PDB file of N, CA and C in Angstrom:
ATOM      1  N   MET A   1      -3.845 -30.187 -18.813  1.00  0.00           N
ATOM      2  CA  MET A   1      -4.101 -29.293 -19.714  1.00  0.00           C
ATOM      3  C   MET A   1      -4.179 -27.744 -19.009  1.00  0.00           C
ATOM      4  N   ALA A   2      -3.054 -27.105 -19.665  1.00  0.00           N
ATOM      5  CA  ALA A   2      -2.543 -25.591 -19.233  1.00  0.00           C
ATOM      6  C   ALA A   2      -3.736 -24.658 -19.388  1.00  0.00           C
ATOM      7  N   ALA A   3      -3.775 -23.850 -18.221  1.00  0.00           N
ATOM      8  CA  ALA A   3      -4.472 -22.573 -18.634  1.00  0.00           C
ATOM      9  C   ALA A   3      -3.908 -21.332 -18.584  1.00  0.00           C
ATOM     10  N   ILE A   4      -4.007 -20.213 -19.555  1.00  0.00           N
ATOM     11  CA  ILE A   4      -3.020 -19.284 -19.466  1.00  0.00           C
ATOM     12  C   ILE A   4      -4.120 -17.529 -19.452  1.00  0.00           C
ATOM     13  N   VAL A   5      -4.177 -17.124 -18.592  1.00  0.00           N
ATOM     14  CA  VAL A   5      -4.744 -16.120 -18.875  1.00  0.00           C
ATOM     15  C   VAL A   5      -3.759 -14.557 -19.225  1.00  0.00           C
ATOM     16  N   TYR A   6      -4.072 -13.801 -20.184  1.00  0.00           N
ATOM     17  CA  TYR A   6      -3.094 -12.372 -20.048  1.00  0.00           C
ATOM     18  C   TYR A   6      -4.303 -11.336 -19.407  1.00  0.00           C
ATOM     19  N   PHE A   7      -3.254 -10.435 -19.134  1.00  0.00           N
ATOM     20  CA  PHE A   7      -4.136  -8.859 -18.819  1.00  0.00           C
ATOM     21  C   PHE A   7      -3.337  -7.638 -19.329  1.00  0.00           C
ATOM     22  N   ARG A   8      -3.905  -6.736 -19.254  1.00  0.00           N
ATOM     23  CA  ARG A   8      -3.155  -5.547 -20.054  1.00  0.00           C
ATOM     24  C   ARG A   8      -3.881  -4.024 -19.143  1.00  0.00           C
ATOM     25  N   LYS A   9      -3.318  -3.406 -18.176  1.00  0.00           N
ATOM     26  CA  LYS A   9      -4.027  -2.266 -17.940  1.00  0.00           C
ATOM     27  C   LYS A   9      -4.626  -1.409 -19.336  1.00  0.00           C
ATOM     28  N   VAL A  10      -5.696  -0.726 -19.078  1.00  0.00           N
ATOM     29  CA  VAL A  10      -5.902  -0.221 -19.736  1.00  0.00           C
ATOM     30  C   VAL A  10      -6.461   1.787 -19.272  1.00  0.00           C
ATOM     31  N   SER A  11      -6.870   1.378 -17.784  1.00  0.00           N
ATOM     32  CA  SER A  11      -6.937   2.795 -17.089  1.00  0.00           C
ATOM     33  C   SER A  11      -6.952   3.086 -15.736  1.00  0.00           C
ATOM     34  N   GLU A  12      -6.389   3.814 -15.153  1.00  0.00           N
ATOM     35  CA  GLU A  12      -6.751   3.801 -13.710  1.00  0.00           C
ATOM     36  C   GLU A  12      -6.665   5.309 -12.919  1.00  0.00           C
ATOM     37  N   THR A  13      -7.407   5.143 -12.366  1.00  0.00           N
ATOM     38  CA  THR A  13      -8.386   6.717 -11.367  1.00  0.00           C
ATOM     39  C   THR A  13      -7.459   6.332  -9.663  1.00  0.00           C
ATOM     40  N   GLU A  14      -7.762   7.259  -9.350  1.00  0.00           N
ATOM     41  CA  GLU A  14      -7.494   7.157  -7.415  1.00  0.00           C
ATOM     42  C   GLU A  14      -8.443   5.927  -7.174  1.00  0.00           C
ATOM     43  N   GLU A  15      -9.808   5.365  -7.683  1.00  0.00           N
ATOM     44  CA  GLU A  15     -10.430   4.657  -7.570  1.00  0.00           C
ATOM     45  C   GLU A  15     -10.194   3.344  -7.492  1.00  0.00           C
ATOM     46  N   VAL A  16     -10.268   3.337  -9.052  1.00  0.00           N
ATOM     47  CA  VAL A  16     -10.292   1.781  -9.794  1.00  0.00           C
ATOM     48  C   VAL A  16      -8.938   1.961 -10.796  1.00  0.00           C
ATOM     49  N   VAL A  17      -8.918   0.328 -10.870  1.00  0.00           N
ATOM     50  CA  VAL A  17      -8.134  -0.019 -12.555  1.00  0.00           C
ATOM     51  C   VAL A  17      -8.848  -0.971 -13.204  1.00  0.00           C
ATOM     52  N   GLU A  18      -8.598  -0.869 -14.126  1.00  0.00           N
ATOM     53  CA  GLU A  18      -9.593  -0.848 -15.525  1.00  0.00           C
ATOM     54  C   GLU A  18      -8.375  -1.958 -16.424  1.00  0.00           C
ATOM     55  N   TYR A  19      -8.747  -3.326 -16.736  1.00  0.00           N
ATOM     56  CA  TYR A  19      -7.865  -4.066 -17.244  1.00  0.00           C
ATOM     57  C   TYR A  19      -8.681  -4.829 -18.194  1.00  0.00           C
ATOM     58  N   GLU A  20      -7.683  -5.102 -19.333  1.00  0.00           N
ATOM     59  CA  GLU A  20      -8.469  -6.228 -20.478  1.00  0.00           C
ATOM     60  C   GLU A  20      -8.003  -7.621 -20.038  1.00  0.00           C
ATOM     61  N   PHE A  21      -8.719  -8.397 -20.644  1.00  0.00           N
ATOM     62  CA  PHE A  21      -7.926  -9.777 -20.264  1.00  0.00           C
ATOM     63  C   PHE A  21      -8.614 -11.087 -21.110  1.00  0.00           C
ATOM     64  N   GLY A  22      -8.157 -12.342 -21.075  1.00  0.00           N
ATOM     65  CA  GLY A  22      -8.200 -13.104 -22.161  1.00  0.00           C
ATOM     66  C   GLY A  22      -7.237 -13.946 -22.119  1.00  0.00           C
ATOM     67  N   ASP A  23      -7.389 -14.921 -22.980  1.00  0.00           N
ATOM     68  CA  ASP A  23      -6.499 -15.960 -23.265  1.00  0.00           C
ATOM     69  C   ASP A  23      -5.550 -15.996 -24.749  1.00  0.00           C
ATOM     70  N   ASP A  24      -5.465 -14.833 -25.238  1.00  0.00           N
ATOM     71  CA  ASP A  24      -5.293 -14.193 -26.400  1.00  0.00           C
ATOM     72  C   ASP A  24      -4.390 -13.006 -26.450  1.00  0.00           C
ATOM     73  N   PRO A  25      -3.245 -13.026 -26.216  1.00  0.00           N
ATOM     74  CA  PRO A  25      -2.107 -11.612 -25.691  1.00  0.00           C
ATOM     75  C   PRO A  25      -2.677 -10.528 -26.604  1.00  0.00           C
ATOM     76  N   ASP A  26      -2.769 -10.816 -28.177  1.00  0.00           N
ATOM     77  CA  ASP A  26      -2.923  -9.927 -28.997  1.00  0.00           C
ATOM     78  C   ASP A  26      -4.556  -9.557 -29.483  1.00  0.00           C
ATOM     79  N   ARG A  27      -5.503 -10.055 -28.974  1.00  0.00           N
ATOM     80  CA  ARG A  27      -6.831  -9.809 -28.993  1.00  0.00           C
ATOM     81  C   ARG A  27      -7.550 -10.285 -27.317  1.00  0.00           C
ATOM     82  N   PHE A  28      -7.368  -9.189 -26.602  1.00  0.00           N
ATOM     83  CA  PHE A  28      -8.353  -9.336 -25.309  1.00  0.00           C
ATOM     84  C   PHE A  28      -9.769  -8.955 -25.590  1.00  0.00           C
ATOM     85  N   GLU A  29     -10.687  -9.578 -25.151  1.00  0.00           N
ATOM     86  CA  GLU A  29     -12.004  -9.608 -25.525  1.00  0.00           C
ATOM     87  C   GLU A  29     -13.081  -9.129 -24.511  1.00  0.00           C
ATOM     88  N   ARG A  30     -12.207  -9.188 -23.239  1.00  0.00           N
ATOM     89  CA  ARG A  30     -13.111  -8.776 -21.734  1.00  0.00           C
ATOM     90  C   ARG A  30     -12.596  -7.798 -21.055  1.00  0.00           C
ATOM     91  N   ARG A  31     -13.120  -7.573 -20.394  1.00  0.00           N
ATOM     92  CA  ARG A  31     -12.666  -6.246 -19.227  1.00  0.00           C
ATOM     93  C   ARG A  31     -12.978  -6.584 -17.794  1.00  0.00           C
ATOM     94  N   LEU A  32     -12.101  -6.255 -16.920  1.00  0.00           N
ATOM     95  CA  LEU A  32     -12.579  -6.308 -14.946  1.00  0.00           C
ATOM     96  C   LEU A  32     -12.348  -4.830 -14.639  1.00  0.00           C
ATOM     97  N   THR A  33     -13.023  -4.880 -13.648  1.00  0.00           N
ATOM     98  CA  THR A  33     -12.825  -3.234 -12.946  1.00  0.00           C
ATOM     99  C   THR A  33     -11.851  -3.841 -11.490  1.00  0.00           C
ATOM    100  N   MET A  34     -10.911  -3.303 -11.215  1.00  0.00           N
ATOM    101  CA  MET A  34     -10.568  -3.923  -9.626  1.00  0.00           C
ATOM    102  C   MET A  34     -10.679  -2.567  -8.541  1.00  0.00           C
ATOM    103  N   ASP A  35     -11.536  -2.413  -7.811  1.00  0.00           N
ATOM    104  CA  ASP A  35     -11.478  -1.715  -6.763  1.00  0.00           C
ATOM    105  C   ASP A  35     -10.173  -1.060  -5.795  1.00  0.00           C
ATOM    106  N   LYS A  36      -9.661  -0.425  -5.861  1.00  0.00           N
ATOM    107  CA  LYS A  36      -8.635  -0.167  -5.081  1.00  0.00           C
ATOM    108  C   LYS A  36      -8.477  -0.263  -3.738  1.00  0.00           C
ATOM    109  N   ALA A  37      -9.687   0.055  -3.060  1.00  0.00           N
ATOM    110  CA  ALA A  37      -9.809   0.142  -1.537  1.00  0.00           C
ATOM    111  C   ALA A  37      -9.848  -0.875  -1.269  1.00  0.00           C
ATOM    112  N   SER A  38     -10.620  -1.899  -1.580  1.00  0.00           N
ATOM    113  CA  SER A  38     -11.130  -3.137  -1.313  1.00  0.00           C
ATOM    114  C   SER A  38     -10.760  -4.077  -2.049  1.00  0.00           C
ATOM    115  N   CYS A  39      -9.982  -4.210  -2.905  1.00  0.00           N
ATOM    116  CA  CYS A  39      -8.885  -5.130  -4.141  1.00  0.00           C
ATOM    117  C   CYS A  39      -9.977  -6.278  -4.553  1.00  0.00           C
ATOM    118  N   THR A  40     -11.304  -5.820  -4.721  1.00  0.00           N
ATOM    119  CA  THR A  40     -12.487  -6.758  -5.020  1.00  0.00           C
ATOM    120  C   THR A  40     -12.269  -6.258  -6.634  1.00  0.00           C
ATOM    121  N   SER A  41     -12.986  -7.389  -7.251  1.00  0.00           N
ATOM    122  CA  SER A  41     -13.028  -6.956  -9.194  1.00  0.00           C
ATOM    123  C   SER A  41     -14.520  -7.497  -9.307  1.00  0.00           C
ATOM    124  N   THR A  42     -15.073  -6.706 -10.761  1.00  0.00           N
ATOM    125  CA  THR A  42     -16.051  -7.035 -11.286  1.00  0.00           C
ATOM    126  C   THR A  42     -15.646  -7.130 -12.504  1.00  0.00           C
ATOM    127  N   VAL A  43     -16.246  -8.078 -13.506  1.00  0.00           N
ATOM    128  CA  VAL A  43     -16.193  -8.314 -14.242  1.00  0.00           C
ATOM    129  C   VAL A  43     -17.464  -7.413 -15.589  1.00  0.00           C
ATOM    130  N   GLN A  44     -16.718  -6.995 -16.881  1.00  0.00           N
ATOM    131  CA  GLN A  44     -17.735  -6.224 -17.353  1.00  0.00           C
ATOM    132  C   GLN A  44     -18.778  -6.743 -17.959  1.00  0.00           C
ATOM    133  N   ASP A  45     -18.501  -8.154 -18.777  1.00  0.00           N
ATOM    134  CA  ASP A  45     -19.671  -8.777 -19.099  1.00  0.00           C
ATOM    135  C   ASP A  45     -20.722  -9.903 -18.359  1.00  0.00           C
ATOM    136  N   GLU A  46     -20.230  -9.713 -16.871  1.00  0.00           N
ATOM    137  CA  GLU A  46     -21.193 -10.227 -15.310  1.00  0.00           C
ATOM    138  C   GLU A  46     -20.815 -11.946 -15.779  1.00  0.00           C
ATOM    139  N   GLN A  47     -19.963 -12.289 -16.284  1.00  0.00           N
ATOM    140  CA  GLN A  47     -19.498 -13.592 -16.582  1.00  0.00           C
ATOM    141  C   GLN A  47     -18.201 -13.932 -15.775  1.00  0.00           C
ATOM    142  N   VAL A  48     -18.932 -14.777 -14.836  1.00  0.00           N
ATOM    143  CA  VAL A  48     -18.198 -15.031 -13.681  1.00  0.00           C
ATOM    144  C   VAL A  48     -17.596 -16.098 -13.407  1.00  0.00           C
ATOM    145  N   ASP A  49     -16.359 -16.398 -14.404  1.00  0.00           N
ATOM    146  CA  ASP A  49     -15.718 -17.986 -14.826  1.00  0.00           C
ATOM    147  C   ASP A  49     -14.046 -18.062 -14.788  1.00  0.00           C
ATOM    148  N   TYR A  50     -13.726 -19.417 -14.541  1.00  0.00           N
ATOM    149  CA  TYR A  50     -12.522 -19.468 -14.159  1.00  0.00           C
ATOM    150  C   TYR A  50     -11.584 -18.310 -14.759  1.00  0.00           C
ATOM    151  N   THR A  51     -11.394 -17.960 -15.940  1.00  0.00           N
ATOM    152  CA  THR A  51     -10.539 -16.922 -16.604  1.00  0.00           C
ATOM    153  C   THR A  51     -10.427 -15.567 -16.316  1.00  0.00           C
ATOM    154  N   PHE A  52     -11.857 -14.922 -15.777  1.00  0.00           N
ATOM    155  CA  PHE A  52     -11.881 -13.858 -14.479  1.00  0.00           C
ATOM    156  C   PHE A  52     -11.550 -13.966 -13.337  1.00  0.00           C
ATOM    157  N   LEU A  53     -11.962 -15.234 -12.767  1.00  0.00           N
ATOM    158  CA  LEU A  53     -11.133 -15.256 -11.282  1.00  0.00           C
ATOM    159  C   LEU A  53      -9.669 -15.407 -11.304  1.00  0.00           C
ATOM    160  N   LYS A  54      -9.026 -16.042 -12.680  1.00  0.00           N
ATOM    161  CA  LYS A  54      -7.741 -16.356 -12.432  1.00  0.00           C
ATOM    162  C   LYS A  54      -7.229 -15.161 -12.686  1.00  0.00           C
ATOM    163  N   ALA A  55      -7.368 -14.188 -13.753  1.00  0.00           N
ATOM    164  CA  ALA A  55      -6.736 -12.929 -13.777  1.00  0.00           C
ATOM    165  C   ALA A  55      -7.227 -12.008 -12.465  1.00  0.00           C
ATOM    166  N   SER A  56      -8.340 -12.324 -11.967  1.00  0.00           N
ATOM    167  CA  SER A  56      -8.398 -11.207 -10.474  1.00  0.00           C
ATOM    168  C   SER A  56      -7.336 -11.821  -8.992  1.00  0.00           C
ATOM    169  N   ARG A  57      -7.278 -12.481  -9.145  1.00  0.00           N
ATOM    170  CA  ARG A  57      -6.210 -13.277  -8.099  1.00  0.00           C
ATOM    171  C   ARG A  57      -5.066 -13.028  -8.773  1.00  0.00           C
ATOM    172  N   LYS A  58      -4.393 -13.336  -9.985  1.00  0.00           N
ATOM    173  CA  LYS A  58      -3.132 -12.793 -10.297  1.00  0.00           C
ATOM    174  C   LYS A  58      -2.876 -11.188 -10.148  1.00  0.00           C
ATOM    175  N   LEU A  59      -3.820 -10.494 -10.246  1.00  0.00           N
ATOM    176  CA  LEU A  59      -3.437  -8.843  -9.795  1.00  0.00           C
ATOM    177  C   LEU A  59      -3.595  -8.842  -8.863  1.00  0.00           C
ATOM    178  N   ASN A  60      -4.400  -8.967  -8.014  1.00  0.00           N
ATOM    179  CA  ASN A  60      -4.534  -8.940  -6.537  1.00  0.00           C
ATOM    180  C   ASN A  60      -3.050  -9.443  -5.890  1.00  0.00           C
ATOM    181  N   ALA A  61      -2.505 -10.688  -6.326  1.00  0.00           N
ATOM    182  CA  ALA A  61      -1.473 -11.173  -5.680  1.00  0.00           C
ATOM    183  C   ALA A  61       0.221 -10.604  -6.225  1.00  0.00           C
ATOM    184  N   LEU A  62      -0.096 -10.065  -7.687  1.00  0.00           N
ATOM    185  CA  LEU A  62       1.179  -9.192  -8.038  1.00  0.00           C
ATOM    186  C   LEU A  62       0.807  -7.586  -7.384  1.00  0.00           C
ATOM    187  N   HIS A  63      -0.137  -7.212  -6.748  1.00  0.00           N
ATOM    188  CA  HIS A  63      -0.517  -5.970  -6.182  1.00  0.00           C
ATOM    189  C   HIS A  63       0.090  -5.582  -5.270  1.00  0.00           C
ATOM    190  N   THR A  64      -0.196  -7.058  -4.048  1.00  0.00           N
ATOM    191  CA  THR A  64       0.215  -7.210  -3.128  1.00  0.00           C
ATOM    192  C   THR A  64       1.805  -7.455  -2.765  1.00  0.00           C
ATOM    193  N   GLU A  65       2.465  -8.003  -3.684  1.00  0.00           N
ATOM    194  CA  GLU A  65       3.949  -8.062  -4.127  1.00  0.00           C
ATOM    195  C   GLU A  65       4.505  -7.191  -4.067  1.00  0.00           C
ATOM    196  N   ARG A  66       4.156  -6.509  -4.956  1.00  0.00           N
ATOM    197  CA  ARG A  66       4.868  -4.926  -5.599  1.00  0.00           C
ATOM    198  C   ARG A  66       4.653  -3.719  -5.176  1.00  0.00           C
ATOM    199  N   GLY A  67       3.581  -3.833  -4.494  1.00  0.00           N
ATOM    200  CA  GLY A  67       2.671  -2.376  -3.959  1.00  0.00           C
ATOM    201  C   GLY A  67       2.344  -1.266  -5.633  1.00  0.00           C
ATOM    202  N   VAL A  68       1.930  -2.292  -6.239  1.00  0.00           N
ATOM    203  CA  VAL A  68       1.406  -1.252  -7.417  1.00  0.00           C
ATOM    204  C   VAL A  68       0.358  -2.304  -8.389  1.00  0.00           C
ATOM    205  N   TRP A  69      -0.457  -1.587  -9.106  1.00  0.00           N
ATOM    206  CA  TRP A  69      -0.809  -2.471  -9.805  1.00  0.00           C
ATOM    207  C   TRP A  69      -0.212  -2.637 -11.237  1.00  0.00           C
ATOM    208  N   PRO A  70      -0.122  -3.814 -11.395  1.00  0.00           N
ATOM    209  CA  PRO A  70       0.777  -4.413 -12.701  1.00  0.00           C
ATOM    210  C   PRO A  70       0.225  -3.914 -14.272  1.00  0.00           C
ATOM    211  N   GLU A  71       0.855  -3.100 -14.905  1.00  0.00           N
ATOM    212  CA  GLU A  71       0.522  -2.540 -16.226  1.00  0.00           C
ATOM    213  C   GLU A  71       0.163  -3.557 -16.934  1.00  0.00           C
ATOM    214  N   ARG A  72       0.894  -4.709 -17.356  1.00  0.00           N
ATOM    215  CA  ARG A  72       0.403  -6.311 -17.852  1.00  0.00           C
ATOM    216  C   ARG A  72       0.916  -7.348 -17.154  1.00  0.00           C
ATOM    217  N   GLY A  73       0.509  -8.622 -17.435  1.00  0.00           N
ATOM    218  CA  GLY A  73       1.171 -10.127 -17.216  1.00  0.00           C
ATOM    219  C   GLY A  73       0.253 -10.920 -17.787  1.00  0.00           C
ATOM    220  N   MET A  74       0.534 -12.147 -17.135  1.00  0.00           N
ATOM    221  CA  MET A  74       0.041 -13.383 -17.594  1.00  0.00           C
ATOM    222  C   MET A  74      -0.419 -14.342 -16.116  1.00  0.00           C
ATOM    223  N   SER A  75      -1.176 -15.279 -16.158  1.00  0.00           N
ATOM    224  CA  SER A  75      -1.234 -16.367 -15.168  1.00  0.00           C
ATOM    225  C   SER A  75      -1.514 -17.735 -15.840  1.00  0.00           C
ATOM    226  N   VAL A  76      -0.338 -18.577 -15.237  1.00  0.00           N
ATOM    227  CA  VAL A  76      -0.611 -20.142 -16.112  1.00  0.00           C
ATOM    228  C   VAL A  76      -0.572 -20.901 -15.190  1.00  0.00           C
ATOM    229  N   SER A  77      -1.498 -21.760 -15.242  1.00  0.00           N
ATOM    230  CA  SER A  77      -1.929 -23.059 -14.455  1.00  0.00           C
ATOM    231  C   SER A  77      -1.577 -24.434 -14.810  1.00  0.00           C
TER     232      SER A  77
END
């Protein structure tokens, strides 16, 4: 069974980047905040699940690869 998570940047400051994420690219229902200094993320609804972890890991991987926080993206496994 494939798992897909989509994400889109909502806002960015010097300290944090906020993303919407979910399994439907047309209807994001959740948000996460990435701390730029530590590259750690927190989820707004406090539900640490596979979808959140997948989005967080992909965001970190893209940031490491590109040197910037992505505007949008997806992760498939």
